[in-house]
Amino acid sequence: MSDVSVAFVGTGADPETPSVDGFAMAYQHADAYERLDDCRLTGCADIVRENAEAFAETYDIPDGGVFEDYEQMLAAVEPDIVSVCTPPSTHAELVVGCAKSGVVDAIHCEKPMALTWGGARRMAQECERRGVQLTFNHMRRFGQPFREAKELLDDGVIGTLQRVEYSWGNFYDNGTHAVDMCNYFNDERPAAWVIGQLDYHEEDVRFGTHNENQVFACWEYDNGVHGIAATGPAETMNESDWRLVGSEGFIDVHLTDELAVRVRSLDPDACEDRTYESLTTGGSAIDHAIADVVDALKSGRTSELCAANALNATEIIFGGYESVRRRGRVDLPLTIDDNPLEAMVDDGTLSPAPSDD
């Protein structure tokens, strides 16, 4: 495969005015594809035609590649790769539809993976069954602080990893990044169980999906390493956004207030502080993610953004929500199909006060 054709489902509206209603992520995806010499942008679809037309004008996509219906677009342009940049509640239907079209070799989908655990599993199963590469935009994996913290961890500067903690964001929307990074640090090991509790007194809807105000969750990986998530007011539990606790010290990874990695080890010579001017070099994190997706397709290797890794993070998140619903520990694999947080809001178990927005 020499030349790769790319199409987009869900262009979004104005990329200059991002909000929790939409970030128009297709523009960031398209910028990244355009920076690659072997990619051609051939089509786009959005249920609001004006959005698709504006996107097409920005990226010189011909009129014949502009659609409101994504299935018509797939049939007309037969892209090699499709970027799905719609709200999470639509991901499962669109990804499965793209896979079933028979014309797509790869799908790169925005995060979170899906609205429900059943939807996430169906996406992965359908793509695997049909030989379609499925990846998710967990692009923070390519950030310098994360890569170098992982290298330090693997070099043994804090001994044997015992626990991974994060105190950043929430548990679903940007929590999918946070849990994914915990899994990255622990070599993508699956979790054995998860237990959690949350507070949801004030409505927080992001991209059409409920997100709790505060969560505290703990899980154990199958290799005995533990994970901890503390969001909302508990974000101050650690001085950093991620903390990797080992048998001989810890590594702090900072993302929000600063970009830094700090090593505190029992070996004084191993202690150090590293700071960074930008999250990545040689392009944005999305540039690196898209380049990895394209290279994986062309070379036949598995991308680290693969569906299997995304499922690991998604199972922990929905397992945490299911623990709240059951009021007890949840042993994995997870056997539910729904989204327990959405279900608890729908049935009145949780009654957040409507937001002012």
Protein backbone atom coordinates (compact mmCIF):
# COMPACT_ATOMS: atom_id res chain seq x y z
CA MET A 1 0.00 0.00 0.00
CA SER A 2 1.71 3.19 -1.18
CA ASP A 3 -0.97 5.87 -1.18
CA VAL A 4 -3.57 5.90 1.63
CA SER A 5 -6.99 7.48 1.13
CA VAL A 6 -8.70 8.93 4.19
CA ALA A 7 -12.30 9.94 4.90
CA PHE A 8 -14.03 11.43 7.94
CA VAL A 9 -17.31 10.74 9.71
CA GLY A 10 -18.42 13.72 11.80
CA THR A 11 -16.57 16.89 10.83
CA GLY A 12 -18.06 19.04 13.56
CA ALA A 13 -18.76 22.74 13.40
CA ASP A 14 -16.32 25.58 14.03
CA PRO A 15 -12.98 24.21 15.28
CA GLU A 16 -12.13 27.64 16.71
CA THR A 17 -14.87 27.40 19.36
CA PRO A 18 -14.41 24.03 21.12
CA SER A 19 -16.74 23.19 24.01
CA VAL A 20 -18.16 20.16 25.81
CA ASP A 21 -20.72 20.02 22.98
CA GLY A 22 -18.02 19.40 20.39
CA PHE A 23 -14.33 19.91 19.62
CA ALA A 24 -14.50 19.39 15.84
CA MET A 25 -11.70 16.87 16.25
CA ALA A 26 -11.86 15.92 12.58
CA TYR A 27 -9.89 19.08 11.83
CA GLN A 28 -7.05 17.96 14.11
CA HIS A 29 -7.12 14.51 12.55
CA ALA A 30 -7.08 16.00 9.05
CA ASP A 31 -4.14 18.28 9.87
CA ALA A 32 -2.20 15.23 11.01
CA TYR A 33 -3.02 13.18 7.91
CA GLU A 34 -2.08 16.11 5.66
CA ARG A 35 1.38 16.24 7.21
CA LEU A 36 2.02 12.69 5.96
CA ASP A 37 3.22 12.44 2.37
CA ASP A 38 1.34 9.21 1.69
CA CYS A 39 -2.19 10.28 2.73
CA ARG A 40 -4.95 11.79 0.55
CA LEU A 41 -8.15 13.26 2.04
CA THR A 42 -10.95 12.03 -0.21
CA GLY A 43 -14.27 12.32 1.61
CA CYS A 44 -16.25 13.58 4.60
CA ALA A 45 -19.72 13.14 6.03
CA ASP A 46 -21.65 15.11 8.63
CA ILE A 47 -25.38 15.11 9.36
CA VAL A 48 -25.17 18.91 9.04
CA ARG A 49 -24.18 19.38 5.41
CA GLU A 50 -22.88 22.89 5.99
CA ASN A 51 -20.33 21.47 8.43
CA ALA A 52 -19.16 18.90 5.89
CA GLU A 53 -18.93 21.54 3.16
CA ALA A 54 -16.84 23.86 5.34
CA PHE A 55 -14.52 20.98 6.21
CA ALA A 56 -14.19 19.98 2.57
CA GLU A 57 -13.34 23.53 1.57
CA THR A 58 -10.63 23.70 4.22
CA TYR A 59 -8.98 20.50 3.00
CA ASP A 60 -9.71 20.69 -0.74
CA ILE A 61 -11.99 17.67 -0.74
CA PRO A 62 -13.94 17.65 -4.04
CA ASP A 63 -17.71 18.12 -4.05
CA GLY A 64 -18.15 14.47 -4.95
CA GLY A 65 -16.66 13.53 -1.60
CA VAL A 66 -19.07 15.56 0.58
CA PHE A 67 -22.05 13.77 2.15
CA GLU A 68 -24.59 13.86 4.96
CA ASP A 69 -24.87 10.05 4.98
CA TYR A 70 -21.65 8.24 5.90
CA GLU A 71 -22.68 5.00 4.18
CA GLN A 72 -23.14 6.84 0.88
CA MET A 73 -19.72 8.40 1.37
CA LEU A 74 -18.08 5.03 1.97
CA ALA A 75 -19.66 3.57 -1.16
CA ALA A 76 -18.61 6.56 -3.26
CA VAL A 77 -14.99 7.11 -2.17
CA GLU A 78 -14.03 3.69 -0.72
CA PRO A 79 -11.42 5.06 1.72
CA ASP A 80 -8.61 3.00 3.20
CA ILE A 81 -8.91 4.73 6.58
CA VAL A 82 -11.92 6.37 8.21
CA SER A 83 -11.57 8.75 11.16
CA VAL A 84 -14.73 8.70 13.32
CA CYS A 85 -14.95 12.03 15.15
CA THR A 86 -18.50 12.01 16.52
CA PRO A 87 -19.85 11.92 20.13
CA PRO A 88 -19.24 8.65 22.02
CA SER A 89 -22.91 7.62 21.95
CA THR A 90 -22.63 7.15 18.16
CA HIS A 91 -19.25 5.39 18.04
CA ALA A 92 -20.46 1.79 18.19
CA GLU A 93 -23.03 2.14 15.42
CA LEU A 94 -20.68 4.05 13.13
CA VAL A 95 -17.62 1.87 13.67
CA VAL A 96 -19.61 -1.33 13.15
CA GLY A 97 -21.22 0.20 10.06
CA CYS A 98 -17.85 1.18 8.61
CA ALA A 99 -16.46 -2.30 9.28
CA LYS A 100 -19.47 -3.99 7.66
CA SER A 101 -19.17 -1.80 4.55
CA GLY A 102 -16.39 -4.03 3.29
CA VAL A 103 -14.41 -1.14 1.79
CA VAL A 104 -12.49 0.12 4.83
CA ASP A 105 -9.12 -1.26 5.96
CA ALA A 106 -8.75 0.80 9.14
CA ILE A 107 -10.88 2.91 11.49
CA HIS A 108 -9.42 5.50 13.85
CA CYS A 109 -12.03 6.56 16.40
CA GLU A 110 -12.14 9.36 18.92
CA LYS A 111 -12.35 8.53 22.63
CA PRO A 112 -14.04 7.53 24.89
CA MET A 113 -14.46 4.18 23.19
CA ALA A 114 -18.28 3.91 23.38
CA LEU A 115 -21.29 4.89 25.47
CA THR A 116 -21.74 1.33 26.78
CA TRP A 117 -19.57 -1.68 27.54
CA GLY A 118 -21.59 -3.80 25.15
CA GLY A 119 -21.04 -1.25 22.40
CA ALA A 120 -17.30 -1.19 23.02
CA ARG A 121 -17.09 -4.98 22.77
CA ARG A 122 -19.16 -5.08 19.58
CA MET A 123 -16.89 -2.55 17.89
CA ALA A 124 -13.79 -4.55 18.68
CA GLN A 125 -15.35 -7.91 17.81
CA GLU A 126 -16.78 -6.75 14.48
CA CYS A 127 -13.51 -5.19 13.35
CA GLU A 128 -11.49 -8.23 14.39
CA ARG A 129 -13.92 -10.54 12.61
CA ARG A 130 -13.62 -8.56 9.38
CA GLY A 131 -9.89 -7.88 9.53
CA VAL A 132 -10.30 -4.12 10.00
CA GLN A 133 -7.65 -2.28 12.04
CA LEU A 134 -9.44 -0.44 14.86
CA THR A 135 -7.63 2.21 16.90
CA PHE A 136 -8.62 4.91 19.38
CA ASN A 137 -7.16 8.37 19.85
CA HIS A 138 -5.37 7.84 23.18
CA MET A 139 -2.65 10.11 21.84
CA ARG A 140 -1.22 11.15 25.22
CA ARG A 141 0.80 7.92 25.07
CA PHE A 142 3.16 9.75 22.73
CA GLY A 143 3.88 12.60 25.15
CA GLN A 144 7.51 13.02 26.23
CA PRO A 145 6.80 12.90 30.00
CA PHE A 146 4.91 9.61 29.66
CA ARG A 147 7.46 7.99 27.35
CA GLU A 148 10.40 8.96 29.53
CA ALA A 149 8.64 8.01 32.77
CA LYS A 150 8.02 4.57 31.28
CA GLU A 151 11.69 4.28 30.28
CA LEU A 152 12.79 5.21 33.81
CA LEU A 153 10.34 2.70 35.27
CA ASP A 154 11.62 -0.06 32.96
CA ASP A 155 15.20 0.86 33.90
CA GLY A 156 14.33 0.02 37.51
CA VAL A 157 15.02 3.43 39.08
CA ILE A 158 12.16 2.91 41.58
CA GLY A 159 12.48 -0.86 41.83
CA THR A 160 9.47 -3.06 41.12
CA LEU A 161 6.20 -1.29 40.21
CA GLN A 162 3.61 -1.75 42.96
CA ARG A 163 0.93 0.87 42.28
CA VAL A 164 -0.17 3.39 39.64
CA GLU A 165 -2.25 6.35 40.81
CA TYR A 166 -3.88 9.18 38.92
CA SER A 167 -5.48 12.36 40.25
CA TRP A 168 -6.62 14.16 37.10
CA GLY A 169 -9.84 14.92 35.25
CA ASN A 170 -12.68 12.47 35.64
CA PHE A 171 -13.30 8.76 35.11
CA TYR A 172 -15.02 8.65 31.71
CA ASP A 173 -14.38 11.50 29.29
CA ASN A 174 -10.74 12.36 29.92
CA GLY A 175 -10.55 9.48 32.38
CA THR A 176 -10.22 7.18 29.38
CA HIS A 177 -6.84 8.87 28.75
CA ALA A 178 -5.91 8.63 32.43
CA VAL A 179 -6.72 4.95 32.89
CA ASP A 180 -5.15 4.14 29.52
CA MET A 181 -1.91 5.71 30.76
CA CYS A 182 -2.05 3.64 33.96
CA ASN A 183 -2.31 0.53 31.79
CA TYR A 184 0.55 1.76 29.60
CA PHE A 185 2.83 2.04 32.62
CA ASN A 186 1.88 -1.51 33.67
CA ASP A 187 2.61 -3.09 30.27
CA GLU A 188 -1.07 -3.29 29.23
CA ARG A 189 -1.90 -5.94 31.84
CA PRO A 190 -5.65 -6.61 32.27
CA ALA A 191 -7.35 -5.87 35.57
CA ALA A 192 -8.67 -8.68 37.79
CA TRP A 193 -11.17 -6.65 39.82
CA VAL A 194 -12.27 -3.07 40.48
CA ILE A 195 -14.11 -1.34 43.32
CA GLY A 196 -15.30 2.25 43.37
CA GLN A 197 -17.56 4.99 44.69
CA LEU A 198 -18.65 8.27 43.16
CA ASP A 199 -20.53 11.50 43.75
CA TYR A 200 -22.80 13.02 41.13
CA HIS A 201 -24.81 15.87 42.63
CA GLU A 202 -24.40 18.42 39.82
CA GLU A 203 -25.08 17.54 36.20
CA ASP A 204 -21.96 17.27 34.04
CA VAL A 205 -22.77 16.28 30.46
CA ARG A 206 -19.86 16.17 28.03
CA PHE A 207 -20.45 15.41 24.37
CA GLY A 208 -23.91 14.14 25.27
CA THR A 209 -22.76 11.76 28.02
CA HIS A 210 -22.93 11.96 31.82
CA ASN A 211 -19.69 12.30 33.81
CA GLU A 212 -19.50 12.07 37.60
CA ASN A 213 -18.28 14.98 39.76
CA GLN A 214 -15.93 12.86 41.86
CA VAL A 215 -14.76 9.25 41.87
CA PHE A 216 -12.52 7.10 44.00
CA ALA A 217 -11.70 3.72 42.50
CA CYS A 218 -9.17 0.98 43.09
CA TRP A 219 -8.33 -2.02 40.93
CA GLU A 220 -5.80 -4.84 40.84
CA TYR A 221 -4.05 -6.00 37.69
CA ASP A 222 -3.45 -9.67 37.07
CA ASN A 223 0.24 -9.21 37.95
CA GLY A 224 -0.56 -7.85 41.44
CA VAL A 225 0.05 -4.17 40.66
CA HIS A 226 -2.75 -1.89 41.92
CA GLY A 227 -4.36 1.12 40.29
CA ILE A 228 -6.03 4.07 42.02
CA ALA A 229 -8.14 6.88 40.55
CA ALA A 230 -9.07 9.93 42.62
CA THR A 231 -10.89 12.76 40.83
CA GLY A 232 -12.75 15.92 41.76
CA PRO A 233 -11.79 17.32 45.20
CA ALA A 234 -9.52 14.30 45.72
CA GLU A 235 -7.25 15.48 42.89
CA THR A 236 -5.05 17.10 45.56
CA MET A 237 -4.29 13.65 47.00
CA ASN A 238 -1.04 13.64 45.01
CA GLU A 239 1.16 16.54 44.00
CA SER A 240 1.25 15.13 40.46
CA ASP A 241 -1.28 13.91 37.90
CA TRP A 242 0.15 10.36 37.83
CA ARG A 243 2.28 8.68 40.47
CA LEU A 244 4.12 5.43 39.86
CA VAL A 245 4.93 3.82 43.20
CA GLY A 246 7.69 1.23 43.29
CA SER A 247 9.49 -0.83 45.88
CA GLU A 248 12.34 1.70 45.98
CA GLY A 249 10.70 5.07 45.36
CA PHE A 250 8.20 6.81 43.10
CA ILE A 251 7.95 8.73 39.84
CA ASP A 252 5.61 11.70 39.51
CA VAL A 253 4.30 12.70 36.08
CA HIS A 254 2.91 16.22 35.73
CA LEU A 255 0.65 17.28 32.84
CA THR A 256 -1.64 20.14 33.86
CA ASP A 257 0.20 22.75 35.91
CA GLU A 258 3.51 21.90 34.25
CA LEU A 259 5.10 19.27 32.05
CA ALA A 260 7.53 17.39 34.25
CA VAL A 261 8.78 14.04 35.49
CA ARG A 262 10.21 13.81 39.00
CA VAL A 263 11.99 10.74 40.35
CA ARG A 264 12.30 10.15 44.08
CA SER A 265 14.30 7.00 44.76
CA LEU A 266 16.01 5.35 47.72
CA ASP A 267 19.13 5.69 45.57
CA PRO A 268 20.09 9.39 45.81
CA ASP A 269 21.89 9.18 42.48
CA ALA A 270 18.66 8.13 40.74
CA CYS A 271 16.66 11.16 41.92
CA GLU A 272 16.10 13.76 39.25
CA ASP A 273 13.70 16.36 37.87
CA ARG A 274 12.91 16.65 34.18
CA THR A 275 10.85 19.47 32.69
CA TYR A 276 9.53 19.91 29.17
CA GLU A 277 8.59 22.90 27.03
CA SER A 278 6.00 20.93 25.07
CA LEU A 279 4.17 17.63 25.38
CA THR A 280 5.73 16.26 22.20
CA THR A 281 8.44 17.13 19.71
CA GLY A 282 8.23 16.79 15.95
CA GLY A 283 4.50 17.54 15.84
CA SER A 284 1.53 17.30 18.17
CA ALA A 285 0.44 14.20 20.07
CA ILE A 286 -2.28 13.67 17.46
CA ASP A 287 0.34 13.94 14.70
CA HIS A 288 2.23 11.09 16.36
CA ALA A 289 -0.95 9.07 16.88
CA ILE A 290 -2.12 9.40 13.27
CA ALA A 291 1.37 8.60 11.98
CA ASP A 292 1.36 5.45 14.12
CA VAL A 293 -2.07 4.42 12.81
CA VAL A 294 -1.01 4.84 9.17
CA ASP A 295 2.33 3.09 9.68
CA ALA A 296 0.64 0.17 11.45
CA LEU A 297 -1.77 -0.26 8.55
CA LYS A 298 0.98 -0.15 5.94
CA SER A 299 3.39 -2.40 7.80
CA GLY A 300 0.86 -4.87 9.17
CA ARG A 301 1.92 -4.41 12.80
CA THR A 302 -0.39 -3.76 15.75
CA SER A 303 -0.68 -0.12 16.83
CA GLU A 304 -0.39 0.58 20.54
CA LEU A 305 -3.65 2.53 20.07
CA CYS A 306 -5.36 -0.77 19.24
CA ALA A 307 -8.82 -1.78 20.36
CA ALA A 308 -7.46 -4.37 22.80
CA ASN A 309 -5.65 -1.68 24.79
CA ALA A 310 -8.69 0.62 24.65
CA LEU A 311 -10.90 -2.21 25.93
CA ASN A 312 -8.60 -2.68 28.94
CA ALA A 313 -9.14 0.94 29.99
CA THR A 314 -12.85 0.94 29.18
CA GLU A 315 -13.48 -2.22 31.22
CA ILE A 316 -11.89 -0.63 34.30
CA ILE A 317 -14.03 2.50 33.89
CA PHE A 318 -17.34 0.70 33.44
CA GLY A 319 -16.30 -1.80 36.11
CA GLY A 320 -15.88 1.10 38.52
CA TYR A 321 -19.33 2.41 37.67
CA GLU A 322 -20.77 -1.09 38.04
CA SER A 323 -19.18 -1.34 41.49
CA VAL A 324 -21.12 1.76 42.52
CA ARG A 325 -24.34 0.20 41.23
CA ARG A 326 -23.72 -3.15 42.96
CA ARG A 327 -22.25 -1.54 46.10
CA GLY A 328 -19.40 -4.00 46.04
CA ARG A 329 -16.30 -5.24 44.28
CA VAL A 330 -16.66 -6.29 40.65
CA ASP A 331 -14.59 -9.21 39.43
CA LEU A 332 -13.57 -9.08 35.79
CA PRO A 333 -14.23 -9.88 33.00
CA LEU A 334 -17.19 -7.52 33.04
CA THR A 335 -20.45 -9.17 31.95
CA ILE A 336 -22.80 -6.17 31.68
CA ASP A 337 -23.82 -4.49 28.40
CA ASP A 338 -24.90 -1.01 29.50
CA ASN A 339 -23.29 2.08 31.04
CA PRO A 340 -24.05 1.86 34.78
CA LEU A 341 -23.64 5.61 35.35
CA GLU A 342 -26.14 6.47 32.60
CA ALA A 343 -28.47 3.76 33.90
CA MET A 344 -28.33 5.09 37.47
CA VAL A 345 -29.20 8.57 36.25
CA ASP A 346 -32.03 7.24 34.09
CA ASP A 347 -33.64 5.23 36.91
CA GLY A 348 -33.23 7.97 39.53
CA THR A 349 -30.60 6.22 41.65
CA LEU A 350 -28.49 9.30 40.95
CA SER A 351 -30.28 12.64 40.65
CA PRO A 352 -27.84 15.38 39.71
CA ALA A 353 -29.17 18.91 39.80
CA PRO A 354 -29.39 20.33 36.25
CA SER A 355 -26.44 22.50 35.32
CA ASP A 356 -26.89 26.19 34.55
CA ASP A 357 -25.62 25.75 30.98
